[in-house]
Amino acid sequence: MGKGLPTPLEFKLMNSVMRMTRKKIVVHTLMHEIRHWAQIATPVRLNGYTGAFHDFLFSPVLGGEIPRQEARA
């Protein structure tokens, strides 16, 4: 892969053509999803649900496992 500026991709949206790099698409997607998680969390909290730990990394969604350490006496 050569050095230099990333090659933008072109997308047609309605009557416009948008050009953006893959990196910009990934960053936009992640930020957009964070916004939706916040939109969901707000009414949930306003309705009194406090739950335990609100972190996607520790959520069972999409698999994965975080090993828990045994408590020491």
PDB file of N, CA and C in Angstrom:
ATOM      1  N   MET A   1       0.857  -1.185   0.000  1.00  0.00           N
ATOM      2  CA  MET A   1       0.000   0.000   0.000  1.00  0.00           C
ATOM      3  C   MET A   1       0.895   1.238   0.000  1.00  0.00           C
ATOM      4  N   GLY A   2       0.639   2.149  -0.876  1.00  0.00           N
ATOM      5  CA  GLY A   2       1.467   3.337  -0.990  1.00  0.00           C
ATOM      6  C   GLY A   2       1.139   4.380   0.065  1.00  0.00           C
ATOM      7  N   LYS A   3       2.068   5.282   0.217  1.00  0.00           N
ATOM      8  CA  LYS A   3       1.849   6.369   1.171  1.00  0.00           C
ATOM      9  C   LYS A   3       1.132   7.506   0.476  1.00  0.00           C
ATOM     10  N   GLY A   4       0.567   8.389   1.261  1.00  0.00           N
ATOM     11  CA  GLY A   4      -0.146   9.515   0.684  1.00  0.00           C
ATOM     12  C   GLY A   4      -1.542   9.594   1.272  1.00  0.00           C
ATOM     13  N   LEU A   5      -2.376  10.357   0.633  1.00  0.00           N
ATOM     14  CA  LEU A   5      -3.732  10.537   1.135  1.00  0.00           C
ATOM     15  C   LEU A   5      -4.581   9.304   0.855  1.00  0.00           C
ATOM     16  N   PRO A   6      -5.481   8.954   1.803  1.00  0.00           N
ATOM     17  CA  PRO A   6      -6.382   7.822   1.567  1.00  0.00           C
ATOM     18  C   PRO A   6      -7.320   8.121   0.394  1.00  0.00           C
ATOM     19  N   THR A   7      -7.663   7.092  -0.339  1.00  0.00           N
ATOM     20  CA  THR A   7      -8.570   7.251  -1.469  1.00  0.00           C
ATOM     21  C   THR A   7     -10.006   7.317  -0.975  1.00  0.00           C
ATOM     22  N   PRO A   8     -10.709   8.402  -1.269  1.00  0.00           N
ATOM     23  CA  PRO A   8     -12.098   8.497  -0.810  1.00  0.00           C
ATOM     24  C   PRO A   8     -13.029   7.618  -1.644  1.00  0.00           C
ATOM     25  N   LEU A   9     -14.100   7.189  -1.013  1.00  0.00           N
ATOM     26  CA  LEU A   9     -15.150   6.440  -1.688  1.00  0.00           C
ATOM     27  C   LEU A   9     -16.263   7.400  -2.031  1.00  0.00           C
ATOM     28  N   GLU A  10     -17.006   7.113  -3.086  1.00  0.00           N
ATOM     29  CA  GLU A  10     -18.111   7.975  -3.491  1.00  0.00           C
ATOM     30  C   GLU A  10     -19.442   7.276  -3.242  1.00  0.00           C
ATOM     31  N   PHE A  11     -20.408   8.028  -2.702  1.00  0.00           N
ATOM     32  CA  PHE A  11     -21.753   7.532  -2.449  1.00  0.00           C
ATOM     33  C   PHE A  11     -22.751   8.526  -3.005  1.00  0.00           C
ATOM     34  N   LYS A  12     -23.766   8.013  -3.675  1.00  0.00           N
ATOM     35  CA  LYS A  12     -24.816   8.896  -4.165  1.00  0.00           C
ATOM     36  C   LYS A  12     -25.951   8.893  -3.151  1.00  0.00           C
ATOM     37  N   LEU A  13     -26.285  10.071  -2.648  1.00  0.00           N
ATOM     38  CA  LEU A  13     -27.393  10.263  -1.716  1.00  0.00           C
ATOM     39  C   LEU A  13     -28.351  11.264  -2.334  1.00  0.00           C
ATOM     40  N   MET A  14     -29.512  10.775  -2.706  1.00  0.00           N
ATOM     41  CA  MET A  14     -30.511  11.594  -3.385  1.00  0.00           C
ATOM     42  C   MET A  14     -29.896  12.212  -4.645  1.00  0.00           C
ATOM     43  N   ASN A  15     -29.744  13.528  -4.669  1.00  0.00           N
ATOM     44  CA  ASN A  15     -29.185  14.191  -5.850  1.00  0.00           C
ATOM     45  C   ASN A  15     -27.751  14.651  -5.643  1.00  0.00           C
ATOM     46  N   SER A  16     -27.106  14.162  -4.602  1.00  0.00           N
ATOM     47  CA  SER A  16     -25.741  14.588  -4.287  1.00  0.00           C
ATOM     48  C   SER A  16     -24.794  13.394  -4.307  1.00  0.00           C
ATOM     49  N   VAL A  17     -23.543  13.678  -4.532  1.00  0.00           N
ATOM     50  CA  VAL A  17     -22.503  12.662  -4.429  1.00  0.00           C
ATOM     51  C   VAL A  17     -21.601  13.058  -3.278  1.00  0.00           C
ATOM     52  N   MET A  18     -21.447  12.127  -2.328  1.00  0.00           N
ATOM     53  CA  MET A  18     -20.584  12.387  -1.173  1.00  0.00           C
ATOM     54  C   MET A  18     -19.309  11.588  -1.334  1.00  0.00           C
ATOM     55  N   ARG A  19     -18.190  12.184  -0.958  1.00  0.00           N
ATOM     56  CA  ARG A  19     -16.896  11.508  -1.001  1.00  0.00           C
ATOM     57  C   ARG A  19     -16.327  11.494   0.410  1.00  0.00           C
ATOM     58  N   MET A  20     -15.923  10.312   0.855  1.00  0.00           N
ATOM     59  CA  MET A  20     -15.330  10.198   2.188  1.00  0.00           C
ATOM     60  C   MET A  20     -14.408   8.990   2.254  1.00  0.00           C
ATOM     61  N   THR A  21     -13.460   9.051   3.176  1.00  0.00           N
ATOM     62  CA  THR A  21     -12.513   7.951   3.350  1.00  0.00           C
ATOM     63  C   THR A  21     -13.136   6.859   4.211  1.00  0.00           C
ATOM     64  N   ARG A  22     -12.544   5.689   4.153  1.00  0.00           N
ATOM     65  CA  ARG A  22     -13.006   4.564   4.989  1.00  0.00           C
ATOM     66  C   ARG A  22     -12.900   4.927   6.468  1.00  0.00           C
ATOM     67  N   LYS A  23     -11.826   5.607   6.829  1.00  0.00           N
ATOM     68  CA  LYS A  23     -11.610   6.004   8.223  1.00  0.00           C
ATOM     69  C   LYS A  23     -12.745   6.911   8.708  1.00  0.00           C
ATOM     70  N   LYS A  24     -13.159   7.856   7.871  1.00  0.00           N
ATOM     71  CA  LYS A  24     -14.237   8.760   8.240  1.00  0.00           C
ATOM     72  C   LYS A  24     -15.554   7.997   8.396  1.00  0.00           C
ATOM     73  N   ILE A  25     -15.781   7.010   7.536  1.00  0.00           N
ATOM     74  CA  ILE A  25     -17.002   6.201   7.621  1.00  0.00           C
ATOM     75  C   ILE A  25     -17.030   5.432   8.940  1.00  0.00           C
ATOM     76  N   VAL A  26     -15.900   4.834   9.314  1.00  0.00           N
ATOM     77  CA  VAL A  26     -15.831   4.071  10.573  1.00  0.00           C
ATOM     78  C   VAL A  26     -16.052   4.985  11.770  1.00  0.00           C
ATOM     79  N   VAL A  27     -15.387   6.127  11.810  1.00  0.00           N
ATOM     80  CA  VAL A  27     -15.542   7.067  12.924  1.00  0.00           C
ATOM     81  C   VAL A  27     -16.986   7.552  12.999  1.00  0.00           C
ATOM     82  N   HIS A  28     -17.577   7.880  11.859  1.00  0.00           N
ATOM     83  CA  HIS A  28     -18.969   8.339  11.844  1.00  0.00           C
ATOM     84  C   HIS A  28     -19.904   7.256  12.390  1.00  0.00           C
ATOM     85  N   THR A  29     -19.703   6.009  11.951  1.00  0.00           N
ATOM     86  CA  THR A  29     -20.555   4.908  12.404  1.00  0.00           C
ATOM     87  C   THR A  29     -20.456   4.725  13.913  1.00  0.00           C
ATOM     88  N   LEU A  30     -19.244   4.728  14.446  1.00  0.00           N
ATOM     89  CA  LEU A  30     -19.067   4.559  15.892  1.00  0.00           C
ATOM     90  C   LEU A  30     -19.706   5.706  16.676  1.00  0.00           C
ATOM     91  N   MET A  31     -19.488   6.931  16.236  1.00  0.00           N
ATOM     92  CA  MET A  31     -20.074   8.083  16.927  1.00  0.00           C
ATOM     93  C   MET A  31     -21.600   8.065  16.837  1.00  0.00           C
ATOM     94  N   HIS A  32     -22.118   7.652  15.696  1.00  0.00           N
ATOM     95  CA  HIS A  32     -23.561   7.586  15.504  1.00  0.00           C
ATOM     96  C   HIS A  32     -24.178   6.554  16.453  1.00  0.00           C
ATOM     97  N   GLU A  33     -23.526   5.411  16.604  1.00  0.00           N
ATOM     98  CA  GLU A  33     -24.026   4.376  17.510  1.00  0.00           C
ATOM     99  C   GLU A  33     -23.960   4.837  18.964  1.00  0.00           C
ATOM    100  N   ILE A  34     -22.913   5.554  19.329  1.00  0.00           N
ATOM    101  CA  ILE A  34     -22.815   6.088  20.693  1.00  0.00           C
ATOM    102  C   ILE A  34     -23.992   7.015  20.964  1.00  0.00           C
ATOM    103  N   ARG A  35     -24.337   7.819  19.996  1.00  0.00           N
ATOM    104  CA  ARG A  35     -25.476   8.726  20.145  1.00  0.00           C
ATOM    105  C   ARG A  35     -26.770   7.953  20.389  1.00  0.00           C
ATOM    106  N   HIS A  36     -26.969   6.864  19.636  1.00  0.00           N
ATOM    107  CA  HIS A  36     -28.186   6.073  19.831  1.00  0.00           C
ATOM    108  C   HIS A  36     -28.219   5.391  21.198  1.00  0.00           C
ATOM    109  N   TRP A  37     -27.071   4.889  21.655  1.00  0.00           N
ATOM    110  CA  TRP A  37     -27.032   4.289  22.996  1.00  0.00           C
ATOM    111  C   TRP A  37     -27.428   5.336  24.045  1.00  0.00           C
ATOM    112  N   ALA A  38     -26.966   6.565  23.884  1.00  0.00           N
ATOM    113  CA  ALA A  38     -27.314   7.638  24.828  1.00  0.00           C
ATOM    114  C   ALA A  38     -28.800   7.970  24.739  1.00  0.00           C
ATOM    115  N   GLN A  39     -29.350   7.965  23.525  1.00  0.00           N
ATOM    116  CA  GLN A  39     -30.782   8.238  23.369  1.00  0.00           C
ATOM    117  C   GLN A  39     -31.630   7.162  24.047  1.00  0.00           C
ATOM    118  N   ILE A  40     -31.186   5.939  24.015  1.00  0.00           N
ATOM    119  CA  ILE A  40     -31.909   4.852  24.675  1.00  0.00           C
ATOM    120  C   ILE A  40     -31.738   4.948  26.188  1.00  0.00           C
ATOM    121  N   ALA A  41     -30.530   5.238  26.654  1.00  0.00           N
ATOM    122  CA  ALA A  41     -30.250   5.279  28.084  1.00  0.00           C
ATOM    123  C   ALA A  41     -30.998   6.387  28.809  1.00  0.00           C
ATOM    124  N   THR A  42     -31.209   7.515  28.160  1.00  0.00           N
ATOM    125  CA  THR A  42     -31.865   8.645  28.823  1.00  0.00           C
ATOM    126  C   THR A  42     -33.276   8.320  29.304  1.00  0.00           C
ATOM    127  N   PRO A  43     -34.200   7.865  28.450  1.00  0.00           N
ATOM    128  CA  PRO A  43     -35.543   7.553  28.966  1.00  0.00           C
ATOM    129  C   PRO A  43     -35.537   6.378  29.949  1.00  0.00           C
ATOM    130  N   VAL A  44     -34.597   5.444  29.764  1.00  0.00           N
ATOM    131  CA  VAL A  44     -34.514   4.315  30.703  1.00  0.00           C
ATOM    132  C   VAL A  44     -34.192   4.845  32.101  1.00  0.00           C
ATOM    133  N   ARG A  45     -33.200   5.728  32.207  1.00  0.00           N
ATOM    134  CA  ARG A  45     -32.839   6.304  33.505  1.00  0.00           C
ATOM    135  C   ARG A  45     -33.947   7.196  34.051  1.00  0.00           C
ATOM    136  N   LEU A  46     -34.592   7.974  33.175  1.00  0.00           N
ATOM    137  CA  LEU A  46     -35.673   8.863  33.620  1.00  0.00           C
ATOM    138  C   LEU A  46     -36.871   8.088  34.162  1.00  0.00           C
ATOM    139  N   ASN A  47     -36.989   6.825  33.761  1.00  0.00           N
ATOM    140  CA  ASN A  47     -38.077   5.982  34.256  1.00  0.00           C
ATOM    141  C   ASN A  47     -37.662   5.146  35.458  1.00  0.00           C
ATOM    142  N   GLY A  48     -36.525   5.485  36.043  1.00  0.00           N
ATOM    143  CA  GLY A  48     -36.132   4.897  37.315  1.00  0.00           C
ATOM    144  C   GLY A  48     -35.257   3.670  37.263  1.00  0.00           C
ATOM    145  N   TYR A  49     -34.918   3.185  36.091  1.00  0.00           N
ATOM    146  CA  TYR A  49     -34.049   2.013  36.039  1.00  0.00           C
ATOM    147  C   TYR A  49     -32.612   2.448  36.254  1.00  0.00           C
ATOM    148  N   THR A  50     -31.986   1.920  37.276  1.00  0.00           N
ATOM    149  CA  THR A  50     -30.594   2.281  37.534  1.00  0.00           C
ATOM    150  C   THR A  50     -29.650   1.140  37.192  1.00  0.00           C
ATOM    151  N   GLY A  51     -30.124  -0.087  37.264  1.00  0.00           N
ATOM    152  CA  GLY A  51     -29.310  -1.233  36.869  1.00  0.00           C
ATOM    153  C   GLY A  51     -27.969  -1.268  37.549  1.00  0.00           C
ATOM    154  N   ALA A  52     -27.174  -2.213  37.147  1.00  0.00           N
ATOM    155  CA  ALA A  52     -25.866  -2.377  37.760  1.00  0.00           C
ATOM    156  C   ALA A  52     -24.807  -1.610  36.973  1.00  0.00           C
ATOM    157  N   PHE A  53     -24.201  -2.266  36.047  1.00  0.00           N
ATOM    158  CA  PHE A  53     -23.059  -1.697  35.342  1.00  0.00           C
ATOM    159  C   PHE A  53     -23.424  -1.469  33.885  1.00  0.00           C
ATOM    160  N   HIS A  54     -23.363  -0.235  33.411  1.00  0.00           N
ATOM    161  CA  HIS A  54     -23.759   0.103  32.044  1.00  0.00           C
ATOM    162  C   HIS A  54     -22.521   0.290  31.167  1.00  0.00           C
ATOM    163  N   ASP A  55     -21.995  -0.779  30.666  1.00  0.00           N
ATOM    164  CA  ASP A  55     -20.842  -0.675  29.798  1.00  0.00           C
ATOM    165  C   ASP A  55     -20.927  -1.779  28.750  1.00  0.00           C
ATOM    166  N   PHE A  56     -20.882  -1.409  27.494  1.00  0.00           N
ATOM    167  CA  PHE A  56     -21.022  -2.376  26.406  1.00  0.00           C
ATOM    168  C   PHE A  56     -19.935  -3.439  26.463  1.00  0.00           C
ATOM    169  N   LEU A  57     -18.737  -3.070  26.859  1.00  0.00           N
ATOM    170  CA  LEU A  57     -17.633  -4.014  26.912  1.00  0.00           C
ATOM    171  C   LEU A  57     -17.954  -5.189  27.830  1.00  0.00           C
ATOM    172  N   PHE A  58     -18.649  -4.919  28.935  1.00  0.00           N
ATOM    173  CA  PHE A  58     -18.967  -5.961  29.903  1.00  0.00           C
ATOM    174  C   PHE A  58     -20.339  -6.583  29.672  1.00  0.00           C
ATOM    175  N   SER A  59     -21.009  -6.153  28.633  1.00  0.00           N
ATOM    176  CA  SER A  59     -22.327  -6.671  28.296  1.00  0.00           C
ATOM    177  C   SER A  59     -22.200  -8.021  27.595  1.00  0.00           C
ATOM    178  N   PRO A  60     -23.187  -8.904  27.765  1.00  0.00           N
ATOM    179  CA  PRO A  60     -23.139 -10.180  27.045  1.00  0.00           C
ATOM    180  C   PRO A  60     -23.503 -10.043  25.563  1.00  0.00           C
ATOM    181  N   VAL A  61     -23.916  -8.855  25.131  1.00  0.00           N
ATOM    182  CA  VAL A  61     -24.285  -8.629  23.741  1.00  0.00           C
ATOM    183  C   VAL A  61     -23.072  -8.865  22.835  1.00  0.00           C
ATOM    184  N   LEU A  62     -23.244  -9.572  21.764  1.00  0.00           N
ATOM    185  CA  LEU A  62     -22.224  -9.908  20.765  1.00  0.00           C
ATOM    186  C   LEU A  62     -21.129 -10.824  21.309  1.00  0.00           C
ATOM    187  N   GLY A  63     -21.404 -11.507  22.398  1.00  0.00           N
ATOM    188  CA  GLY A  63     -20.473 -12.506  22.912  1.00  0.00           C
ATOM    189  C   GLY A  63     -19.271 -11.923  23.619  1.00  0.00           C
ATOM    190  N   GLY A  64     -18.344 -12.802  23.921  1.00  0.00           N
ATOM    191  CA  GLY A  64     -17.157 -12.398  24.663  1.00  0.00           C
ATOM    192  C   GLY A  64     -17.359 -12.623  26.144  1.00  0.00           C
ATOM    193  N   GLU A  65     -16.288 -12.617  26.853  1.00  0.00           N
ATOM    194  CA  GLU A  65     -16.359 -12.860  28.285  1.00  0.00           C
ATOM    195  C   GLU A  65     -15.219 -12.131  28.973  1.00  0.00           C
ATOM    196  N   ILE A  66     -15.521 -11.528  30.110  1.00  0.00           N
ATOM    197  CA  ILE A  66     -14.507 -10.872  30.937  1.00  0.00           C
ATOM    198  C   ILE A  66     -14.330 -11.742  32.178  1.00  0.00           C
ATOM    199  N   PRO A  67     -13.160 -12.338  32.369  1.00  0.00           N
ATOM    200  CA  PRO A  67     -12.967 -13.177  33.557  1.00  0.00           C
ATOM    201  C   PRO A  67     -13.039 -12.341  34.828  1.00  0.00           C
ATOM    202  N   ARG A  68     -13.710 -12.872  35.813  1.00  0.00           N
ATOM    203  CA  ARG A  68     -13.835 -12.180  37.101  1.00  0.00           C
ATOM    204  C   ARG A  68     -12.837 -12.785  38.088  1.00  0.00           C
ATOM    205  N   GLN A  69     -12.218 -11.893  38.867  1.00  0.00           N
ATOM    206  CA  GLN A  69     -11.258 -12.373  39.868  1.00  0.00           C
ATOM    207  C   GLN A  69     -12.011 -12.781  41.121  1.00  0.00           C
ATOM    208  N   GLU A  70     -11.522 -13.832  41.739  1.00  0.00           N
ATOM    209  CA  GLU A  70     -12.104 -14.297  42.996  1.00  0.00           C
ATOM    210  C   GLU A  70     -11.775 -13.300  44.093  1.00  0.00           C
ATOM    211  N   ALA A  71     -12.749 -13.041  44.964  1.00  0.00           N
ATOM    212  CA  ALA A  71     -12.508 -12.153  46.098  1.00  0.00           C
ATOM    213  C   ALA A  71     -11.587 -12.864  47.086  1.00  0.00           C
ATOM    214  N   ARG A  72     -10.607 -12.132  47.612  1.00  0.00           N
ATOM    215  CA  ARG A  72      -9.682 -12.725  48.585  1.00  0.00           C
ATOM    216  C   ARG A  72     -10.151 -12.432  49.996  1.00  0.00           C
ATOM    217  N   ALA A  73      -9.997 -13.414  50.854  1.00  0.00           N
ATOM    218  CA  ALA A  73     -10.415 -13.244  52.242  1.00  0.00           C
ATOM    219  C   ALA A  73      -9.324 -12.653  53.089  1.00  0.00           C
TER     220      ALA A  73
END
